[in-house]
C-alpha cells in the first residue's frame, strides 16, 4: 500500500529535495515551490523528519476513502 506525504521544504528547496531523494531513493517525489509530495511504500514518522536538515514539516496525506468508520 503506498503512503503519501507532504514535506514543507526549507529556505534551500533544492537541498531539501536532494535529502529526500537520498533517503527515499525508490519514492516518487514531486516538488512545487516549497512543498514536496512523496509517494512511497515506506511508512514514515517523526523520527524520519529528524534525519532531514532542510525540511520543516512532515504531513501524512490521508484520503476520506482510506478512513475506516
Protein backbone atom coordinates (compact mmCIF):
# COMPACT_ATOMS: atom_id res chain seq x y z
CA UNK A 1 0.00 0.00 0.00
CA UNK A 2 1.53 3.32 -0.96
CA UNK A 3 1.81 6.13 1.55
CA UNK A 4 1.59 9.79 0.59
CA UNK A 5 3.34 12.59 2.45
CA UNK A 6 3.84 16.32 2.04
CA UNK A 7 7.06 17.96 3.17
CA UNK A 8 7.43 21.68 3.70
CA UNK A 9 10.88 22.41 2.35
CA UNK A 10 13.24 24.91 3.95
CA UNK A 11 14.90 28.01 2.56
CA UNK A 12 17.01 25.93 0.15
CA UNK A 13 14.43 23.64 -1.51
CA UNK A 14 16.99 22.13 -3.89
CA UNK A 15 19.00 20.79 -0.96
CA UNK A 16 15.83 19.60 0.80
CA UNK A 17 14.84 17.72 -2.37
CA UNK A 18 18.30 16.13 -2.60
CA UNK A 19 17.99 14.93 1.02
CA UNK A 20 14.61 13.33 0.29
CA UNK A 21 15.97 11.60 -2.83
CA UNK A 22 18.98 10.31 -0.90
CA UNK A 23 16.89 8.88 1.96
CA UNK A 24 13.97 7.68 -0.20
CA UNK A 25 15.60 6.58 -3.48
CA UNK A 26 12.64 4.48 -4.66
CA UNK A 27 9.99 7.10 -3.83
CA UNK A 28 8.22 9.26 -6.38
CA UNK A 29 8.80 12.90 -5.40
CA UNK A 30 7.08 15.92 -6.95
CA UNK A 31 8.04 19.44 -5.93
CA UNK A 32 6.12 22.68 -6.39
CA UNK A 33 7.55 25.82 -4.82
CA UNK A 34 8.44 24.78 -1.26
CA UNK A 35 6.23 21.67 -0.99
CA UNK A 36 7.30 18.13 -1.89
CA UNK A 37 4.69 15.42 -2.36
CA UNK A 38 6.17 11.98 -1.77
CA UNK A 39 4.67 8.62 -2.69
CA UNK A 40 6.48 5.72 -1.06
CA UNK A 41 5.90 2.18 0.17
CA UNK A 42 7.61 3.08 3.45
CA UNK A 43 5.65 4.33 6.44
CA UNK A 44 7.39 7.44 7.78
CA UNK A 45 7.22 9.00 11.24
CA UNK A 46 8.59 11.93 13.21
CA UNK A 47 11.94 10.18 13.60
CA UNK A 48 12.35 10.32 9.83
CA UNK A 49 11.82 14.09 9.84
CA UNK A 50 14.56 14.46 12.44
CA UNK A 51 17.01 12.95 9.91
CA UNK A 52 16.33 15.83 7.50
CA UNK A 53 18.07 19.16 7.93
CA UNK A 54 16.29 21.02 5.15
CA UNK A 55 12.64 20.12 5.65
CA UNK A 56 10.46 21.92 8.16
CA UNK A 57 7.30 19.80 8.42
CA UNK A 58 6.06 16.33 7.52
CA UNK A 59 2.36 15.72 6.85
CA UNK A 60 0.80 12.35 6.10
CA UNK A 61 -1.84 12.70 3.40
CA UNK A 62 -4.98 10.67 4.02
CA UNK A 63 -7.97 10.48 1.74
CA UNK A 64 -11.51 10.15 3.04
CA UNK A 65 -11.86 6.72 1.39
CA UNK A 66 -8.89 5.50 3.44
CA UNK A 67 -10.59 6.26 6.75
CA UNK A 68 -12.37 3.40 8.44
CA UNK A 69 -15.64 4.00 10.33
